């Protein structure tokens, strides 16, 4: 009961975290192309 529950939550957290990090990474990587780093400040 406890072991499977921990693994379930670990997989869910890693999956959601990976999607969020990947989405932020894409937004960050696509953003500088439209505006220069100096203009962004």
PDB file of N, CA and C in Angstrom:
ATOM      1  N   UNK A   1       0.833  -1.203   0.000  1.00  0.00           N
ATOM      2  CA  UNK A   1       0.000   0.000   0.000  1.00  0.00           C
ATOM      3  C   UNK A   1       0.873   1.261   0.000  1.00  0.00           C
ATOM      4  N   UNK A   2       1.827   1.308   0.927  1.00  0.00           N
ATOM      5  CA  UNK A   2       2.662   2.509   1.024  1.00  0.00           C
ATOM      6  C   UNK A   2       3.657   2.635  -0.114  1.00  0.00           C
ATOM      7  N   UNK A   3       4.280   1.519  -0.501  1.00  0.00           N
ATOM      8  CA  UNK A   3       5.321   1.553  -1.528  1.00  0.00           C
ATOM      9  C   UNK A   3       4.723   1.950  -2.884  1.00  0.00           C
ATOM     10  N   UNK A   4       3.631   1.311  -3.288  1.00  0.00           N
ATOM     11  CA  UNK A   4       3.016   1.607  -4.578  1.00  0.00           C
ATOM     12  C   UNK A   4       2.488   3.043  -4.610  1.00  0.00           C
ATOM     13  N   UNK A   5       2.017   3.521  -3.458  1.00  0.00           N
ATOM     14  CA  UNK A   5       1.504   4.884  -3.379  1.00  0.00           C
ATOM     15  C   UNK A   5       2.630   5.891  -3.604  1.00  0.00           C
ATOM     16  N   UNK A   6       3.785   5.629  -2.988  1.00  0.00           N
ATOM     17  CA  UNK A   6       4.946   6.520  -3.144  1.00  0.00           C
ATOM     18  C   UNK A   6       5.407   6.535  -4.598  1.00  0.00           C
ATOM     19  N   UNK A   7       5.489   5.361  -5.220  1.00  0.00           N
ATOM     20  CA  UNK A   7       5.915   5.292  -6.620  1.00  0.00           C
ATOM     21  C   UNK A   7       4.922   6.011  -7.521  1.00  0.00           C
ATOM     22  N   UNK A   8       3.611   5.846  -7.248  1.00  0.00           N
ATOM     23  CA  UNK A   8       2.575   6.500  -8.055  1.00  0.00           C
ATOM     24  C   UNK A   8       2.727   8.010  -8.005  1.00  0.00           C
ATOM     25  N   UNK A   9       2.848   8.558  -6.795  1.00  0.00           N
ATOM     26  CA  UNK A   9       3.000  10.008  -6.650  1.00  0.00           C
ATOM     27  C   UNK A   9       4.311  10.491  -7.255  1.00  0.00           C
ATOM     28  N   UNK A  10       5.381   9.705  -7.107  1.00  0.00           N
ATOM     29  CA  UNK A  10       6.677  10.090  -7.677  1.00  0.00           C
ATOM     30  C   UNK A  10       6.591  10.195  -9.193  1.00  0.00           C
ATOM     31  N   UNK A  11       5.968   9.209  -9.833  1.00  0.00           N
ATOM     32  CA  UNK A  11       5.840   9.215 -11.295  1.00  0.00           C
ATOM     33  C   UNK A  11       4.969  10.384 -11.755  1.00  0.00           C
ATOM     34  N   UNK A  12       3.874  10.622 -11.043  1.00  0.00           N
ATOM     35  CA  UNK A  12       2.968  11.724 -11.404  1.00  0.00           C
ATOM     36  C   UNK A  12       3.676  13.073 -11.267  1.00  0.00           C
ATOM     37  N   UNK A  13       4.388  13.272 -10.158  1.00  0.00           N
ATOM     38  CA  UNK A  13       5.091  14.537  -9.925  1.00  0.00           C
ATOM     39  C   UNK A  13       6.176  14.751 -10.981  1.00  0.00           C
ATOM     40  N   UNK A  14       6.929  13.695 -11.291  1.00  0.00           N
ATOM     41  CA  UNK A  14       7.991  13.799 -12.298  1.00  0.00           C
ATOM     42  C   UNK A  14       7.392  14.108 -13.674  1.00  0.00           C
ATOM     43  N   UNK A  15       6.286  13.455 -14.011  1.00  0.00           N
ATOM     44  CA  UNK A  15       5.642  13.668 -15.316  1.00  0.00           C
ATOM     45  C   UNK A  15       5.134  15.103 -15.445  1.00  0.00           C
ATOM     46  N   UNK A  16       4.411  15.566 -14.425  1.00  0.00           N
ATOM     47  CA  UNK A  16       3.879  16.936 -14.457  1.00  0.00           C
ATOM     48  C   UNK A  16       5.024  17.951 -14.451  1.00  0.00           C
ATOM     49  N   UNK A  17       6.011  17.710 -13.601  1.00  0.00           N
ATOM     50  CA  UNK A  17       7.163  18.617 -13.534  1.00  0.00           C
ATOM     51  C   UNK A  17       7.910  18.670 -14.856  1.00  0.00           C
ATOM     52  N   UNK A  18       8.051  17.535 -15.514  1.00  0.00           N
ATOM     53  CA  UNK A  18       8.757  17.482 -16.795  1.00  0.00           C
ATOM     54  C   UNK A  18       8.009  18.287 -17.856  1.00  0.00           C
ATOM     55  N   UNK A  19       6.686  18.167 -17.870  1.00  0.00           N
ATOM     56  CA  UNK A  19       5.864  18.921 -18.832  1.00  0.00           C
ATOM     57  C   UNK A  19       5.970  20.422 -18.568  1.00  0.00           C
ATOM     58  N   UNK A  20       5.898  20.821 -17.295  1.00  0.00           N
ATOM     59  CA  UNK A  20       5.980  22.242 -16.939  1.00  0.00           C
ATOM     60  C   UNK A  20       7.345  22.808 -17.297  1.00  0.00           C
ATOM     61  N   UNK A  21       8.413  22.082 -16.932  1.00  0.00           N
ATOM     62  CA  UNK A  21       9.778  22.536 -17.237  1.00  0.00           C
ATOM     63  C   UNK A  21       9.976  22.620 -18.747  1.00  0.00           C
ATOM     64  N   UNK A  22       9.483  21.626 -19.474  1.00  0.00           N
ATOM     65  CA  UNK A  22       9.616  21.635 -20.932  1.00  0.00           C
ATOM     66  C   UNK A  22       8.866  22.798 -21.555  1.00  0.00           C
ATOM     67  N   UNK A  23       7.681  23.114 -21.040  1.00  0.00           N
ATOM     68  CA  UNK A  23       6.884  24.220 -21.563  1.00  0.00           C
ATOM     69  C   UNK A  23       7.581  25.554 -21.301  1.00  0.00           C
ATOM     70  N   UNK A  24       8.094  25.736 -20.073  1.00  0.00           N
ATOM     71  CA  UNK A  24       8.812  26.964 -19.729  1.00  0.00           C
ATOM     72  C   UNK A  24      10.070  27.089 -20.581  1.00  0.00           C
ATOM     73  N   UNK A  25      10.762  25.959 -20.815  1.00  0.00           N
ATOM     74  CA  UNK A  25      11.982  25.967 -21.627  1.00  0.00           C
ATOM     75  C   UNK A  25      11.672  26.396 -23.056  1.00  0.00           C
ATOM     76  N   UNK A  26      10.569  25.901 -23.611  1.00  0.00           N
ATOM     77  CA  UNK A  26      10.186  26.295 -24.971  1.00  0.00           C
ATOM     78  C   UNK A  26       9.841  27.780 -25.028  1.00  0.00           C
ATOM     79  N   UNK A  27       9.076  28.269 -24.070  1.00  0.00           N
ATOM     80  CA  UNK A  27       8.713  29.690 -24.037  1.00  0.00           C
ATOM     81  C   UNK A  27       9.960  30.556 -23.899  1.00  0.00           C
ATOM     82  N   UNK A  28      10.909  30.118 -23.064  1.00  0.00           N
ATOM     83  CA  UNK A  28      12.148  30.871 -22.855  1.00  0.00           C
ATOM     84  C   UNK A  28      13.019  30.857 -24.108  1.00  0.00           C
ATOM     85  N   UNK A  29      13.046  29.722 -24.814  1.00  0.00           N
ATOM     86  CA  UNK A  29      13.889  29.596 -25.993  1.00  0.00           C
ATOM     87  C   UNK A  29      13.284  30.339 -27.190  1.00  0.00           C
ATOM     88  N   UNK A  30      11.961  30.359 -27.280  1.00  0.00           N
ATOM     89  CA  UNK A  30      11.301  31.046 -28.395  1.00  0.00           C
ATOM     90  C   UNK A  30      11.245  32.558 -28.165  1.00  0.00           C
ATOM     91  N   UNK A  31      11.250  32.993 -26.922  1.00  0.00           N
ATOM     92  CA  UNK A  31      11.124  34.416 -26.601  1.00  0.00           C
ATOM     93  C   UNK A  31      12.277  35.283 -27.121  1.00  0.00           C
ATOM     94  N   UNK A  32      13.561  34.911 -26.910  1.00  0.00           N
ATOM     95  CA  UNK A  32      14.676  35.763 -27.352  1.00  0.00           C
ATOM     96  C   UNK A  32      14.707  35.992 -28.864  1.00  0.00           C
ATOM     97  N   UNK A  33      14.129  35.093 -29.657  1.00  0.00           N
ATOM     98  CA  UNK A  33      14.150  35.246 -31.111  1.00  0.00           C
ATOM     99  C   UNK A  33      13.328  36.460 -31.541  1.00  0.00           C
ATOM    100  N   UNK A  34      12.225  36.732 -30.823  1.00  0.00           N
ATOM    101  CA  UNK A  34      11.362  37.854 -31.182  1.00  0.00           C
ATOM    102  C   UNK A  34      11.944  39.184 -30.697  1.00  0.00           C
ATOM    103  N   UNK A  35      12.505  39.180 -29.490  1.00  0.00           N
ATOM    104  CA  UNK A  35      13.075  40.412 -28.932  1.00  0.00           C
ATOM    105  C   UNK A  35      14.517  40.169 -28.483  1.00  0.00           C
ATOM    106  N   UNK A  36      15.329  41.188 -28.576  1.00  0.00           N
ATOM    107  CA  UNK A  36      16.723  41.083 -28.149  1.00  0.00           C
ATOM    108  C   UNK A  36      16.796  41.083 -26.621  1.00  0.00           C
ATOM    109  N   UNK A  37      17.883  40.528 -26.070  1.00  0.00           N
ATOM    110  CA  UNK A  37      18.020  40.477 -24.610  1.00  0.00           C
ATOM    111  C   UNK A  37      18.080  41.887 -24.013  1.00  0.00           C
ATOM    112  N   UNK A  38      18.701  42.832 -24.712  1.00  0.00           N
ATOM    113  CA  UNK A  38      18.795  44.201 -24.205  1.00  0.00           C
ATOM    114  C   UNK A  38      17.425  44.874 -24.200  1.00  0.00           C
ATOM    115  N   UNK A  39      16.613  44.607 -25.222  1.00  0.00           N
ATOM    116  CA  UNK A  39      15.280  45.205 -25.299  1.00  0.00           C
ATOM    117  C   UNK A  39      14.341  44.599 -24.271  1.00  0.00           C
ATOM    118  N   UNK A  40      14.601  43.367 -23.885  1.00  0.00           N
ATOM    119  CA  UNK A  40      13.719  42.667 -22.942  1.00  0.00           C
ATOM    120  C   UNK A  40      13.829  43.247 -21.524  1.00  0.00           C
ATOM    121  N   UNK A  41      14.954  43.842 -21.187  1.00  0.00           N
ATOM    122  CA  UNK A  41      15.135  44.410 -19.839  1.00  0.00           C
ATOM    123  C   UNK A  41      14.320  45.677 -19.638  1.00  0.00           C
TER     124      UNK A  41
END
